[in-house]
């Protein structure tokens, strides 16, 4: 498993909440287990106590995305560093019994799970994955969706750093809204021109 994979853990957790819509789907142990994935050993350790702890980590991860989205990259890094210090990880080389064409293990870096509880484990891999993404691609690759009222987090992997929306759905919705706004403006302009022409006296 590549370290970049873990950055998606942060995105998934942050997007369990939609602050502008007052929606929060982080409401049960089952939801938290789904964030880990069904094959994760950490998921089996989730308890009710993790709900409040997960919400706290979520707020801190959103703060990282918010700072990066606003161009305050130093603050984003400082916030992420505080998470890394509080929730350290243990990188290990792993093969996971996956073999290549020659029958040898496909060795890769893996973040080992030595956390005391499910929240600490999830926070550790989320922060490490996000840190890897930030240092590899830049802080400006961490963003929040620009299609109101959505403010979901996303990781920009576009070649020209042009991503502004969390999904194709939001991109389409924003483009349609912009098109309709332009049409309303054009219609308003035409109406104003017609009114001006009608009120202008003609030479006899």
N, C-alpha and C. Protein backbone atom coordinates (compact mmCIF):
# COMPACT_ATOMS: atom_id res chain seq x y z
N UNK A 1 0.84 -1.19 0.00
CA UNK A 1 0.00 0.00 0.00
C UNK A 1 0.88 1.25 0.00
N UNK A 2 0.74 2.14 -0.96
CA UNK A 2 1.55 3.34 -1.02
C UNK A 2 1.07 4.35 0.00
N UNK A 3 2.02 5.18 0.49
CA UNK A 3 1.66 6.15 1.51
C UNK A 3 0.63 7.16 1.01
N UNK A 4 0.64 7.45 -0.28
CA UNK A 4 -0.32 8.41 -0.83
C UNK A 4 -1.74 7.94 -0.62
N UNK A 5 -1.92 6.63 -0.54
CA UNK A 5 -3.26 6.08 -0.35
C UNK A 5 -3.89 6.60 0.92
N UNK A 6 -3.08 6.78 1.95
CA UNK A 6 -3.61 7.14 3.26
C UNK A 6 -4.18 8.55 3.30
N UNK A 7 -3.81 9.41 2.37
CA UNK A 7 -4.34 10.77 2.38
C UNK A 7 -5.85 10.78 2.22
N UNK A 8 -6.38 9.75 1.56
CA UNK A 8 -7.82 9.69 1.36
C UNK A 8 -8.57 9.44 2.66
N UNK A 9 -7.89 8.88 3.66
CA UNK A 9 -8.52 8.70 4.96
C UNK A 9 -8.92 10.04 5.54
N UNK A 10 -8.06 11.04 5.40
CA UNK A 10 -8.35 12.38 5.91
C UNK A 10 -9.55 12.98 5.20
N UNK A 11 -9.59 12.83 3.88
CA UNK A 11 -10.70 13.37 3.09
C UNK A 11 -12.02 12.72 3.51
N UNK A 12 -12.01 11.40 3.66
CA UNK A 12 -13.24 10.70 4.02
C UNK A 12 -13.78 11.16 5.36
N UNK A 13 -12.88 11.35 6.33
CA UNK A 13 -13.32 11.78 7.65
C UNK A 13 -13.86 13.21 7.62
N UNK A 14 -13.12 14.11 7.00
CA UNK A 14 -13.56 15.51 6.93
C UNK A 14 -14.94 15.61 6.28
N UNK A 15 -15.17 14.82 5.25
CA UNK A 15 -16.41 14.92 4.50
C UNK A 15 -17.60 14.19 5.12
N UNK A 16 -17.43 13.71 6.36
CA UNK A 16 -18.59 13.18 7.07
C UNK A 16 -19.43 14.32 7.65
N UNK A 17 -18.92 15.53 7.52
CA UNK A 17 -19.65 16.70 8.01
C UNK A 17 -19.81 17.73 6.90
N UNK A 18 -20.99 18.33 6.83
CA UNK A 18 -21.25 19.43 5.92
C UNK A 18 -21.68 20.63 6.75
N UNK A 19 -20.72 21.43 7.22
CA UNK A 19 -21.02 22.52 8.17
C UNK A 19 -22.06 23.52 7.66
N UNK A 20 -21.97 23.90 6.39
CA UNK A 20 -22.90 24.90 5.88
C UNK A 20 -24.33 24.38 5.77
N UNK A 21 -24.48 23.05 5.75
CA UNK A 21 -25.81 22.45 5.69
C UNK A 21 -26.24 21.89 7.04
N UNK A 22 -25.38 22.05 8.06
CA UNK A 22 -25.65 21.51 9.39
C UNK A 22 -25.92 20.01 9.36
N UNK A 23 -25.14 19.30 8.55
CA UNK A 23 -25.28 17.86 8.44
C UNK A 23 -24.03 17.16 8.99
N UNK A 24 -24.26 16.09 9.71
CA UNK A 24 -23.16 15.31 10.29
C UNK A 24 -23.53 13.84 10.23
N UNK A 25 -22.81 13.09 9.42
CA UNK A 25 -23.11 11.66 9.30
C UNK A 25 -22.28 10.80 10.24
N UNK A 26 -21.41 11.43 11.03
CA UNK A 26 -20.59 10.69 11.97
C UNK A 26 -21.41 10.46 13.25
N UNK A 27 -22.32 9.50 13.18
CA UNK A 27 -23.30 9.32 14.25
C UNK A 27 -23.30 7.95 14.90
N UNK A 28 -22.48 7.05 14.41
CA UNK A 28 -22.52 5.70 14.97
C UNK A 28 -21.17 4.99 14.80
N UNK A 29 -21.02 3.92 15.56
CA UNK A 29 -19.82 3.08 15.46
C UNK A 29 -19.70 2.50 14.06
N UNK A 30 -20.82 2.14 13.47
CA UNK A 30 -20.80 1.54 12.13
C UNK A 30 -20.24 2.51 11.09
N UNK A 31 -20.58 3.79 11.22
CA UNK A 31 -20.06 4.80 10.29
C UNK A 31 -18.54 4.88 10.39
N UNK A 32 -18.03 4.86 11.60
CA UNK A 32 -16.58 4.92 11.79
C UNK A 32 -15.92 3.69 11.19
N UNK A 33 -16.50 2.54 11.41
CA UNK A 33 -15.93 1.31 10.86
C UNK A 33 -15.89 1.35 9.34
N UNK A 34 -16.90 1.95 8.74
CA UNK A 34 -16.92 2.09 7.28
C UNK A 34 -15.78 2.98 6.79
N UNK A 35 -15.39 3.96 7.60
CA UNK A 35 -14.27 4.83 7.21
C UNK A 35 -12.98 4.04 7.10
N UNK A 36 -12.79 3.08 7.99
CA UNK A 36 -11.61 2.24 7.95
C UNK A 36 -11.63 1.28 6.77
N UNK A 37 -12.79 0.79 6.44
CA UNK A 37 -12.90 -0.29 5.46
C UNK A 37 -13.09 -1.61 6.18
N UNK A 38 -13.76 -2.52 5.55
CA UNK A 38 -14.15 -3.77 6.20
C UNK A 38 -12.96 -4.67 6.57
N UNK A 39 -11.84 -4.50 5.88
CA UNK A 39 -10.71 -5.40 6.13
C UNK A 39 -9.76 -4.89 7.23
N UNK A 40 -10.01 -3.71 7.77
CA UNK A 40 -9.09 -3.13 8.73
C UNK A 40 -9.23 -3.73 10.11
N UNK A 41 -8.12 -4.06 10.73
CA UNK A 41 -8.13 -4.55 12.10
C UNK A 41 -8.55 -3.45 13.07
N UNK A 42 -8.16 -2.21 12.75
CA UNK A 42 -8.51 -1.09 13.62
C UNK A 42 -10.02 -0.92 13.72
N UNK A 43 -10.73 -1.20 12.64
CA UNK A 43 -12.18 -1.02 12.63
C UNK A 43 -12.85 -1.86 13.69
N UNK A 44 -12.29 -3.01 13.98
CA UNK A 44 -12.90 -3.89 14.97
C UNK A 44 -12.71 -3.38 16.39
N UNK A 45 -11.84 -2.39 16.57
CA UNK A 45 -11.60 -1.85 17.91
C UNK A 45 -12.44 -0.61 18.21
N UNK A 46 -13.24 -0.18 17.26
CA UNK A 46 -14.04 1.03 17.44
C UNK A 46 -15.08 0.83 18.54
N UNK A 47 -15.20 1.84 19.42
CA UNK A 47 -16.22 1.83 20.48
C UNK A 47 -16.98 3.15 20.43
N UNK A 48 -18.02 3.25 21.24
CA UNK A 48 -18.81 4.48 21.31
C UNK A 48 -17.95 5.67 21.71
N UNK A 49 -16.93 5.43 22.52
CA UNK A 49 -16.06 6.51 22.97
C UNK A 49 -15.32 7.17 21.82
N UNK A 50 -15.19 6.45 20.70
CA UNK A 50 -14.45 7.01 19.56
C UNK A 50 -15.26 8.08 18.81
N UNK A 51 -16.56 8.13 19.00
CA UNK A 51 -17.37 9.10 18.27
C UNK A 51 -16.92 10.54 18.54
N UNK A 52 -16.83 10.90 19.81
CA UNK A 52 -16.42 12.27 20.14
C UNK A 52 -14.97 12.51 19.77
N UNK A 53 -14.13 11.49 19.93
CA UNK A 53 -12.71 11.66 19.57
C UNK A 53 -12.55 11.83 18.07
N UNK A 54 -13.32 11.09 17.29
CA UNK A 54 -13.25 11.22 15.83
C UNK A 54 -13.69 12.62 15.39
N UNK A 55 -14.74 13.15 16.04
CA UNK A 55 -15.20 14.49 15.68
C UNK A 55 -14.13 15.54 15.96
N UNK A 56 -13.39 15.34 17.05
CA UNK A 56 -12.32 16.27 17.38
C UNK A 56 -11.20 16.24 16.34
N UNK A 57 -10.80 15.03 15.94
CA UNK A 57 -9.77 14.90 14.90
C UNK A 57 -10.28 15.46 13.57
N UNK A 58 -11.55 15.23 13.28
CA UNK A 58 -12.14 15.75 12.05
C UNK A 58 -12.04 17.27 11.98
N UNK A 59 -12.34 17.93 13.08
CA UNK A 59 -12.26 19.40 13.11
C UNK A 59 -10.84 19.88 12.85
N UNK A 60 -9.87 19.16 13.38
CA UNK A 60 -8.47 19.56 13.20
C UNK A 60 -8.01 19.31 11.76
N UNK A 61 -8.48 18.22 11.17
CA UNK A 61 -8.14 17.95 9.77
C UNK A 61 -8.80 18.97 8.84
N UNK A 62 -10.05 19.34 9.13
CA UNK A 62 -10.71 20.36 8.31
C UNK A 62 -9.97 21.68 8.40
N UNK A 63 -9.45 21.99 9.57
CA UNK A 63 -8.69 23.23 9.73
C UNK A 63 -7.45 23.24 8.83
N UNK A 64 -6.85 22.08 8.63
CA UNK A 64 -5.70 21.96 7.72
C UNK A 64 -6.14 22.30 6.29
N UNK A 65 -7.24 21.70 5.86
CA UNK A 65 -7.75 21.95 4.51
C UNK A 65 -8.17 23.41 4.35
N UNK A 66 -8.79 23.97 5.37
CA UNK A 66 -9.25 25.36 5.30
C UNK A 66 -8.07 26.31 5.14
N UNK A 67 -7.04 26.11 5.95
CA UNK A 67 -5.87 26.97 5.85
C UNK A 67 -5.21 26.86 4.48
N UNK A 68 -5.08 25.63 3.98
CA UNK A 68 -4.47 25.42 2.67
C UNK A 68 -5.31 26.07 1.58
N UNK A 69 -6.64 25.91 1.68
CA UNK A 69 -7.54 26.46 0.68
C UNK A 69 -7.48 27.99 0.66
N UNK A 70 -7.23 28.60 1.81
CA UNK A 70 -7.14 30.06 1.90
C UNK A 70 -5.74 30.58 1.58
N UNK A 71 -4.84 29.68 1.22
CA UNK A 71 -3.49 30.09 0.84
C UNK A 71 -2.54 30.26 2.01
N UNK A 72 -3.00 29.94 3.22
CA UNK A 72 -2.15 30.06 4.41
C UNK A 72 -1.44 28.73 4.62
N UNK A 73 -0.44 28.47 3.80
CA UNK A 73 0.22 27.17 3.81
C UNK A 73 1.03 26.93 5.07
N UNK A 74 1.59 27.98 5.64
CA UNK A 74 2.37 27.81 6.88
C UNK A 74 1.48 27.31 8.01
N UNK A 75 0.29 27.90 8.13
CA UNK A 75 -0.64 27.45 9.17
C UNK A 75 -1.08 26.01 8.90
N UNK A 76 -1.34 25.68 7.64
CA UNK A 76 -1.74 24.32 7.30
C UNK A 76 -0.67 23.32 7.74
N UNK A 77 0.58 23.65 7.48
CA UNK A 77 1.69 22.76 7.87
C UNK A 77 1.81 22.68 9.38
N UNK A 78 1.68 23.81 10.07
CA UNK A 78 1.77 23.80 11.53
C UNK A 78 0.68 22.93 12.14
N UNK A 79 -0.54 23.05 11.63
CA UNK A 79 -1.65 22.25 12.14
C UNK A 79 -1.43 20.76 11.88
N UNK A 80 -0.89 20.47 10.71
CA UNK A 80 -0.63 19.07 10.36
C UNK A 80 0.51 18.51 11.20
N UNK A 81 1.52 19.32 11.44
CA UNK A 81 2.63 18.88 12.28
C UNK A 81 2.17 18.56 13.70
N UNK A 82 1.22 19.34 14.21
CA UNK A 82 0.73 19.08 15.57
C UNK A 82 0.01 17.73 15.63
N UNK A 83 -0.68 17.37 14.56
CA UNK A 83 -1.32 16.06 14.50
C UNK A 83 -0.28 14.95 14.41
N UNK A 84 0.75 15.17 13.61
CA UNK A 84 1.79 14.15 13.47
C UNK A 84 2.52 13.91 14.79
N UNK A 85 2.73 14.96 15.56
CA UNK A 85 3.39 14.82 16.85
C UNK A 85 2.52 14.09 17.86
N UNK A 86 1.23 14.39 17.82
CA UNK A 86 0.31 13.77 18.78
C UNK A 86 -0.02 12.33 18.40
N UNK A 87 -0.05 12.06 17.09
CA UNK A 87 -0.42 10.72 16.63
C UNK A 87 0.69 10.17 15.72
N UNK A 88 1.79 9.71 16.30
CA UNK A 88 2.91 9.20 15.49
C UNK A 88 2.57 7.86 14.84
N UNK A 89 3.31 7.55 13.79
CA UNK A 89 3.11 6.29 13.08
C UNK A 89 4.40 5.49 13.07
N UNK A 90 4.27 4.21 12.74
CA UNK A 90 5.42 3.33 12.63
C UNK A 90 5.45 2.75 11.22
N UNK A 91 6.24 3.35 10.32
CA UNK A 91 6.29 2.81 8.96
C UNK A 91 7.02 1.47 8.93
N UNK A 92 6.50 0.54 8.14
CA UNK A 92 7.12 -0.77 7.99
C UNK A 92 7.04 -1.19 6.53
N UNK A 93 7.98 -2.04 6.12
CA UNK A 93 7.93 -2.63 4.79
C UNK A 93 7.01 -3.84 4.85
N UNK A 94 6.10 -3.92 3.90
CA UNK A 94 5.11 -5.00 3.92
C UNK A 94 4.92 -5.57 2.52
N UNK A 95 4.50 -6.82 2.47
CA UNK A 95 4.20 -7.46 1.20
C UNK A 95 2.75 -7.87 1.08
N UNK A 96 2.08 -8.05 2.24
CA UNK A 96 0.67 -8.43 2.27
C UNK A 96 0.36 -9.65 1.39
N UNK A 97 1.33 -10.52 1.23
CA UNK A 97 1.13 -11.75 0.45
C UNK A 97 0.78 -11.49 -1.01
N UNK A 98 1.09 -10.28 -1.50
CA UNK A 98 0.85 -9.96 -2.91
C UNK A 98 2.14 -10.24 -3.68
N UNK A 99 2.07 -11.09 -4.68
CA UNK A 99 3.26 -11.51 -5.41
C UNK A 99 3.33 -10.86 -6.78
N UNK A 100 4.56 -10.63 -7.25
CA UNK A 100 4.74 -10.09 -8.59
C UNK A 100 4.84 -11.24 -9.59
N UNK A 101 5.22 -10.93 -10.84
CA UNK A 101 5.26 -11.95 -11.90
C UNK A 101 6.27 -13.05 -11.62
N UNK A 102 7.30 -12.72 -10.86
CA UNK A 102 8.32 -13.72 -10.53
C UNK A 102 8.02 -14.49 -9.26
N UNK A 103 6.87 -14.20 -8.65
CA UNK A 103 6.51 -14.89 -7.42
C UNK A 103 7.09 -14.28 -6.17
N UNK A 104 7.66 -13.06 -6.30
CA UNK A 104 8.23 -12.37 -5.15
C UNK A 104 7.19 -11.40 -4.56
N UNK A 105 7.26 -11.13 -3.26
CA UNK A 105 6.33 -10.17 -2.65
C UNK A 105 6.50 -8.78 -3.27
N UNK A 106 5.41 -8.07 -3.44
CA UNK A 106 5.47 -6.67 -3.90
C UNK A 106 5.69 -5.80 -2.66
N UNK A 107 6.95 -5.54 -2.36
CA UNK A 107 7.29 -4.78 -1.17
C UNK A 107 6.86 -3.32 -1.31
N UNK A 108 6.33 -2.78 -0.25
CA UNK A 108 5.92 -1.38 -0.24
C UNK A 108 5.87 -0.90 1.20
N UNK A 109 5.80 0.43 1.36
CA UNK A 109 5.73 0.99 2.70
C UNK A 109 4.30 0.89 3.23
N UNK A 110 4.20 0.54 4.49
CA UNK A 110 2.91 0.37 5.15
C UNK A 110 3.00 1.05 6.51
N UNK A 111 1.92 1.71 6.94
CA UNK A 111 1.89 2.34 8.25
C UNK A 111 1.33 1.35 9.25
N UNK A 112 2.18 0.87 10.13
CA UNK A 112 1.78 -0.17 11.08
C UNK A 112 0.84 0.39 12.14
N UNK A 113 -0.03 -0.46 12.62
CA UNK A 113 -1.03 -0.08 13.61
C UNK A 113 -0.57 -0.48 15.01
N UNK A 114 -0.03 0.51 15.75
CA UNK A 114 0.33 0.26 17.15
C UNK A 114 -0.41 1.23 18.06
N UNK A 115 -1.49 1.84 17.56
CA UNK A 115 -2.21 2.85 18.33
C UNK A 115 -2.98 2.22 19.48
N UNK A 116 -3.20 3.04 20.51
CA UNK A 116 -3.90 2.55 21.71
C UNK A 116 -5.39 2.43 21.51
N UNK A 117 -5.94 3.16 20.55
CA UNK A 117 -7.37 3.08 20.27
C UNK A 117 -7.62 3.38 18.80
N UNK A 118 -8.85 3.18 18.36
CA UNK A 118 -9.18 3.34 16.95
C UNK A 118 -8.98 4.76 16.46
N UNK A 119 -9.32 5.74 17.29
CA UNK A 119 -9.16 7.14 16.89
C UNK A 119 -7.70 7.48 16.65
N UNK A 120 -6.85 7.07 17.56
CA UNK A 120 -5.42 7.36 17.43
C UNK A 120 -4.86 6.71 16.16
N UNK A 121 -5.30 5.50 15.88
CA UNK A 121 -4.84 4.82 14.67
C UNK A 121 -5.28 5.53 13.42
N UNK A 122 -6.55 5.92 13.38
CA UNK A 122 -7.07 6.60 12.19
C UNK A 122 -6.42 7.97 12.02
N UNK A 123 -6.28 8.71 13.13
CA UNK A 123 -5.65 10.03 13.06
C UNK A 123 -4.22 9.93 12.56
N UNK A 124 -3.51 8.91 13.00
CA UNK A 124 -2.11 8.75 12.62
C UNK A 124 -1.96 8.52 11.12
N UNK A 125 -2.74 7.60 10.56
CA UNK A 125 -2.60 7.31 9.14
C UNK A 125 -3.16 8.45 8.28
N UNK A 126 -4.19 9.13 8.78
CA UNK A 126 -4.74 10.27 8.05
C UNK A 126 -3.72 11.40 7.96
N UNK A 127 -3.12 11.74 9.11
CA UNK A 127 -2.15 12.83 9.15
C UNK A 127 -0.91 12.50 8.32
N UNK A 128 -0.43 11.26 8.41
CA UNK A 128 0.75 10.87 7.66
C UNK A 128 0.46 10.88 6.16
N UNK A 129 -0.69 10.37 5.77
CA UNK A 129 -1.05 10.37 4.36
C UNK A 129 -1.17 11.78 3.82
N UNK A 130 -1.79 12.67 4.61
CA UNK A 130 -1.95 14.05 4.19
C UNK A 130 -0.60 14.76 4.12
N UNK A 131 0.26 14.45 5.07
CA UNK A 131 1.59 15.05 5.06
C UNK A 131 2.38 14.60 3.83
N UNK A 132 2.26 13.34 3.48
CA UNK A 132 2.94 12.84 2.30
C UNK A 132 2.42 13.55 1.05
N UNK A 133 1.12 13.69 0.94
CA UNK A 133 0.52 14.36 -0.22
C UNK A 133 0.98 15.82 -0.30
N UNK A 134 0.98 16.49 0.85
CA UNK A 134 1.37 17.91 0.88
C UNK A 134 2.82 18.11 0.47
N UNK A 135 3.71 17.29 1.03
CA UNK A 135 5.13 17.47 0.72
C UNK A 135 5.49 17.00 -0.68
N UNK A 136 4.72 16.05 -1.20
CA UNK A 136 5.01 15.53 -2.53
C UNK A 136 4.45 16.43 -3.63
N UNK A 137 3.25 17.00 -3.39
CA UNK A 137 2.57 17.75 -4.45
C UNK A 137 2.35 19.22 -4.15
N UNK A 138 2.45 19.63 -2.88
CA UNK A 138 2.27 21.03 -2.53
C UNK A 138 1.01 21.27 -1.71
N UNK A 139 1.06 22.27 -0.84
CA UNK A 139 -0.08 22.57 0.02
C UNK A 139 -1.28 23.07 -0.78
N UNK A 140 -1.01 23.65 -1.95
CA UNK A 140 -2.13 24.15 -2.77
C UNK A 140 -2.93 23.02 -3.40
N UNK A 141 -2.50 21.78 -3.18
CA UNK A 141 -3.25 20.63 -3.69
C UNK A 141 -4.32 20.16 -2.69
N UNK A 142 -4.41 20.82 -1.54
CA UNK A 142 -5.45 20.54 -0.57
C UNK A 142 -6.51 21.62 -0.71
N UNK A 143 -7.74 21.24 -0.99
CA UNK A 143 -8.75 22.25 -1.23
C UNK A 143 -10.10 21.93 -0.64
N UNK A 144 -10.98 22.94 -0.66
CA UNK A 144 -12.37 22.79 -0.27
C UNK A 144 -13.24 23.18 -1.46
N UNK A 145 -14.28 22.42 -1.68
CA UNK A 145 -15.14 22.59 -2.85
C UNK A 145 -15.65 24.03 -2.96
N UNK A 146 -15.57 24.59 -4.16
CA UNK A 146 -15.98 25.97 -4.41
C UNK A 146 -17.42 26.09 -4.90
N UNK A 147 -18.18 25.01 -4.87
CA UNK A 147 -19.58 25.05 -5.30
C UNK A 147 -20.48 25.21 -4.08
N UNK A 148 -20.94 26.43 -3.80
CA UNK A 148 -21.79 26.64 -2.62
C UNK A 148 -23.05 25.78 -2.70
N UNK A 149 -23.55 25.27 -1.57
CA UNK A 149 -23.02 25.41 -0.22
C UNK A 149 -22.01 24.33 0.16
N UNK A 150 -21.64 23.48 -0.79
CA UNK A 150 -20.71 22.39 -0.49
C UNK A 150 -19.34 22.94 -0.12
N UNK A 151 -18.76 22.38 0.92
CA UNK A 151 -17.38 22.71 1.29
C UNK A 151 -16.62 21.43 1.60
N UNK A 152 -16.89 20.39 0.82
CA UNK A 152 -16.19 19.13 1.02
C UNK A 152 -14.71 19.27 0.68
N UNK A 153 -13.90 18.50 1.38
CA UNK A 153 -12.46 18.51 1.13
C UNK A 153 -12.14 17.65 -0.08
N UNK A 154 -11.04 17.98 -0.76
CA UNK A 154 -10.58 17.16 -1.87
C UNK A 154 -9.06 17.30 -2.00
N UNK A 155 -8.47 16.37 -2.71
CA UNK A 155 -7.04 16.42 -3.02
C UNK A 155 -6.91 16.62 -4.52
N UNK A 156 -6.26 17.69 -4.90
CA UNK A 156 -6.11 18.02 -6.32
C UNK A 156 -4.98 17.19 -6.93
N UNK A 157 -5.34 16.30 -7.84
CA UNK A 157 -4.33 15.50 -8.53
C UNK A 157 -4.28 15.83 -10.02
N UNK A 158 -4.90 16.96 -10.40
CA UNK A 158 -4.89 17.36 -11.80
C UNK A 158 -3.49 17.78 -12.22
N UNK A 159 -3.19 17.67 -13.50
CA UNK A 159 -1.85 17.99 -13.99
C UNK A 159 -1.56 19.48 -13.96
N UNK A 160 -2.59 20.30 -14.06
CA UNK A 160 -2.38 21.76 -14.10
C UNK A 160 -2.88 22.49 -12.86
N UNK A 161 -3.07 21.76 -11.77
CA UNK A 161 -3.50 22.35 -10.50
C UNK A 161 -4.78 23.17 -10.66
N UNK A 162 -5.74 22.66 -11.41
CA UNK A 162 -6.92 23.44 -11.75
C UNK A 162 -8.19 23.00 -11.01
N UNK A 163 -8.10 21.97 -10.20
CA UNK A 163 -9.31 21.45 -9.56
C UNK A 163 -9.88 22.45 -8.57
N UNK A 164 -11.20 22.62 -8.59
CA UNK A 164 -11.86 23.54 -7.67
C UNK A 164 -13.07 22.91 -6.99
N UNK A 165 -13.42 21.70 -7.41
CA UNK A 165 -14.63 21.07 -6.88
C UNK A 165 -14.32 19.66 -6.38
N UNK A 166 -15.15 19.20 -5.44
CA UNK A 166 -14.90 17.89 -4.84
C UNK A 166 -15.35 16.74 -5.72
N UNK A 167 -16.23 17.03 -6.69
CA UNK A 167 -16.78 15.96 -7.52
C UNK A 167 -17.26 16.52 -8.85
N UNK A 168 -17.50 15.62 -9.79
CA UNK A 168 -18.05 16.04 -11.08
C UNK A 168 -19.45 16.64 -10.90
N UNK A 169 -20.19 16.12 -9.94
CA UNK A 169 -21.53 16.63 -9.68
C UNK A 169 -21.49 18.10 -9.28
N UNK A 170 -20.59 18.44 -8.36
CA UNK A 170 -20.48 19.83 -7.92
C UNK A 170 -19.95 20.72 -9.04
N UNK A 171 -19.03 20.20 -9.84
CA UNK A 171 -18.49 20.98 -10.96
C UNK A 171 -19.61 21.30 -11.96
N UNK A 172 -20.43 20.31 -12.25
CA UNK A 172 -21.54 20.52 -13.18
C UNK A 172 -22.53 21.52 -12.61
N UNK A 173 -22.84 21.38 -11.33
CA UNK A 173 -23.79 22.28 -10.69
C UNK A 173 -23.27 23.72 -10.71
N UNK A 174 -21.98 23.91 -10.44
CA UNK A 174 -21.40 25.24 -10.45
C UNK A 174 -21.39 25.84 -11.86
N UNK A 175 -21.08 25.02 -12.86
CA UNK A 175 -21.06 25.50 -14.24
C UNK A 175 -22.45 25.90 -14.72
N UNK A 176 -23.45 25.12 -14.33
CA UNK A 176 -24.83 25.45 -14.71
C UNK A 176 -25.27 26.75 -14.03
N UNK A 177 -24.92 26.91 -12.76
CA UNK A 177 -25.27 28.13 -12.04
C UNK A 177 -24.60 29.34 -12.66
N UNK A 178 -23.32 29.20 -13.06
CA UNK A 178 -22.60 30.31 -13.69
C UNK A 178 -23.21 30.65 -15.04
N UNK A 179 -23.61 29.64 -15.79
CA UNK A 179 -24.23 29.87 -17.10
C UNK A 179 -25.56 30.62 -16.93
N UNK A 180 -26.37 30.20 -15.99
CA UNK A 180 -27.64 30.85 -15.75
C UNK A 180 -27.45 32.29 -15.28
N UNK A 181 -26.42 32.52 -14.47
CA UNK A 181 -26.14 33.88 -14.01
C UNK A 181 -25.75 34.78 -15.17
N UNK A 182 -24.94 34.25 -16.09
CA UNK A 182 -24.55 35.04 -17.27
C UNK A 182 -25.78 35.37 -18.13
N UNK A 183 -26.67 34.39 -18.30
CA UNK A 183 -27.87 34.61 -19.10
C UNK A 183 -28.77 35.67 -18.46
N UNK A 184 -28.89 35.63 -17.12
CA UNK A 184 -29.70 36.64 -16.43
C UNK A 184 -29.09 38.03 -16.61
N UNK A 185 -27.77 38.09 -16.54
CA UNK A 185 -27.08 39.37 -16.71
C UNK A 185 -27.27 39.90 -18.12
N UNK A 186 -27.16 39.00 -19.09
CA UNK A 186 -27.36 39.42 -20.49
C UNK A 186 -28.79 39.91 -20.70
N UNK A 187 -29.75 39.19 -20.11
CA UNK A 187 -31.15 39.58 -20.25
C UNK A 187 -31.41 40.92 -19.59
N UNK A 188 -30.80 41.15 -18.44
CA UNK A 188 -30.96 42.42 -17.75
C UNK A 188 -30.37 43.56 -18.57
N UNK A 189 -29.20 43.27 -19.19
CA UNK A 189 -28.56 44.28 -20.03
C UNK A 189 -29.40 44.63 -21.23
N UNK A 190 -30.01 43.61 -21.87
CA UNK A 190 -30.86 43.86 -23.03
C UNK A 190 -32.11 44.65 -22.64
N UNK A 191 -32.66 44.32 -21.49
CA UNK A 191 -33.84 45.03 -21.01
C UNK A 191 -33.53 46.50 -20.77
N UNK A 192 -32.36 46.75 -20.18
CA UNK A 192 -31.95 48.13 -19.90
C UNK A 192 -31.74 48.90 -21.19
N UNK A 193 -31.13 48.24 -22.18
CA UNK A 193 -30.89 48.90 -23.47
C UNK A 193 -32.22 49.23 -24.15
N UNK A 194 -33.17 48.30 -24.11
CA UNK A 194 -34.47 48.52 -24.73
C UNK A 194 -35.22 49.65 -24.06
N UNK A 195 -35.12 49.72 -22.73
CA UNK A 195 -35.79 50.78 -21.99
C UNK A 195 -35.19 52.14 -22.32
N UNK A 196 -33.85 52.15 -22.47
CA UNK A 196 -33.17 53.41 -22.79
C UNK A 196 -33.56 53.89 -24.18
N UNK A 197 -33.63 52.94 -25.13
CA UNK A 197 -34.01 53.30 -26.49
C UNK A 197 -35.45 53.81 -26.54
N UNK A 198 -36.31 53.21 -25.76
CA UNK A 198 -37.72 53.60 -25.78
C UNK A 198 -37.93 54.98 -25.16
N UNK A 199 -37.06 55.35 -24.22
CA UNK A 199 -37.21 56.63 -23.53
C UNK A 199 -36.46 57.76 -24.23
N UNK A 200 -35.61 57.44 -25.22
CA UNK A 200 -34.83 58.45 -25.92
C UNK A 200 -35.70 59.08 -27.01
N UNK A 201 -35.89 60.42 -27.00
CA UNK A 201 -36.73 61.07 -28.03
C UNK A 201 -36.07 61.01 -29.39
N UNK A 202 -36.86 60.75 -30.40
CA UNK A 202 -36.32 60.69 -31.76
C UNK A 202 -36.46 62.06 -32.44
N UNK A 203 -35.55 62.35 -33.35
CA UNK A 203 -35.58 63.63 -34.11
C UNK A 203 -36.71 63.58 -35.12
N UNK A 204 -37.43 64.61 -35.22
CA UNK A 204 -38.52 64.72 -36.18
C UNK A 204 -38.07 65.57 -37.37
